[in-house]
N, C-alpha and C. Protein backbone atom coordinates (compact mmCIF):
# COMPACT_ATOMS: atom_id res chain seq x y z
N UNK A 1 98.53 83.10 45.71
CA UNK A 1 97.73 84.50 44.97
C UNK A 1 97.88 85.43 45.66
N UNK A 2 98.62 85.72 46.95
CA UNK A 2 98.21 86.73 47.78
C UNK A 2 99.63 87.56 47.08
N UNK A 3 100.05 86.64 46.89
CA UNK A 3 102.09 86.75 46.95
C UNK A 3 101.90 87.61 45.42
N UNK A 4 100.95 87.30 44.31
CA UNK A 4 101.35 87.75 42.84
C UNK A 4 100.56 89.31 43.08
N UNK A 5 101.44 89.88 42.69
CA UNK A 5 101.39 91.30 42.47
C UNK A 5 100.64 91.50 40.99
N UNK A 6 99.28 92.30 41.20
CA UNK A 6 98.84 92.35 39.44
C UNK A 6 99.59 93.60 39.15
N UNK A 7 99.66 93.33 37.65
CA UNK A 7 100.77 94.69 36.86
C UNK A 7 99.99 96.48 37.23
N UNK A 8 98.71 96.16 37.63
CA UNK A 8 97.77 97.20 37.25
C UNK A 8 98.38 98.16 38.88
N UNK A 9 98.52 97.18 39.97
CA UNK A 9 98.81 97.93 41.40
C UNK A 9 100.37 98.50 41.05
N UNK A 10 101.24 97.26 40.43
CA UNK A 10 102.50 97.93 40.28
C UNK A 10 102.87 98.74 39.62
N UNK A 11 101.83 99.31 38.55
CA UNK A 11 102.31 100.61 37.91
C UNK A 11 101.56 101.67 38.77
N UNK A 12 100.88 101.67 39.58
CA UNK A 12 100.34 102.92 40.56
C UNK A 12 101.06 102.82 41.43
N UNK A 13 101.62 101.88 41.86
CA UNK A 13 102.86 101.98 43.42
C UNK A 13 104.12 103.03 42.55
N UNK A 14 104.29 102.61 41.39
CA UNK A 14 105.28 103.07 40.56
C UNK A 14 105.12 104.48 40.19
N UNK A 15 103.85 104.71 39.99
CA UNK A 15 103.52 106.40 39.91
C UNK A 15 103.35 107.11 41.06
N UNK A 16 102.84 106.24 41.80
CA UNK A 16 102.95 107.17 43.44
C UNK A 16 104.20 107.61 43.87
N UNK A 17 105.33 106.85 43.32
CA UNK A 17 106.70 107.00 43.85
C UNK A 17 107.13 108.31 43.15
N UNK A 18 106.61 108.33 41.83
CA UNK A 18 107.35 109.56 41.09
C UNK A 18 106.61 110.59 41.58
N UNK A 19 105.12 110.72 41.91
CA UNK A 19 104.25 111.82 42.25
C UNK A 19 105.24 112.53 43.16
N UNK A 20 105.47 111.04 44.17
CA UNK A 20 106.06 111.63 45.64
C UNK A 20 107.42 112.78 45.45
N UNK A 21 108.35 111.91 44.40
CA UNK A 21 109.40 112.51 44.32
C UNK A 21 108.88 113.77 43.24
N UNK A 22 108.74 114.08 42.32
CA UNK A 22 107.99 115.25 41.59
C UNK A 22 107.57 116.01 42.67
N UNK A 23 106.62 115.80 43.94
CA UNK A 23 106.43 116.95 45.00
C UNK A 23 107.25 117.59 45.59
N UNK A 24 108.59 116.62 45.90
CA UNK A 24 109.42 116.41 46.64
C UNK A 24 110.37 117.46 45.91
N UNK A 25 110.98 117.51 44.54
CA UNK A 25 111.68 118.53 43.97
C UNK A 25 110.93 119.90 43.89
N UNK A 26 109.75 119.63 43.52
CA UNK A 26 109.07 121.05 43.58
C UNK A 26 109.00 121.70 44.80
N UNK A 27 108.91 121.24 45.73
CA UNK A 27 109.34 121.79 47.15
C UNK A 27 110.95 122.42 47.48
N UNK A 28 111.70 121.26 47.09
CA UNK A 28 113.01 122.20 46.74
C UNK A 28 113.02 123.16 45.82
N UNK A 29 112.43 123.39 45.10
CA UNK A 29 112.78 124.55 43.72
C UNK A 29 112.00 125.71 44.26
N UNK A 30 111.00 125.42 45.13
CA UNK A 30 110.27 126.63 45.96
C UNK A 30 111.05 127.41 47.05
N UNK A 31 111.50 126.47 47.67
CA UNK A 31 112.69 126.74 48.64
C UNK A 31 113.95 127.60 48.15
N UNK A 32 114.02 127.02 46.75
CA UNK A 32 115.30 127.78 45.96
C UNK A 32 115.24 129.14 45.69
N UNK A 33 113.95 129.63 44.98
CA UNK A 33 113.09 130.35 45.05
C UNK A 33 113.14 131.71 45.96
N UNK A 34 112.75 131.37 47.10
CA UNK A 34 112.72 131.93 48.06
C UNK A 34 114.13 131.96 48.92
């Protein structure tokens, strides 16, 4: 039962990765602006 990952946490995990990637690209964009 512990090995089975709920769909909600899987979606949350993917959204967390997307948010991290967005923040990294945003940081690179600000570095390019400066």
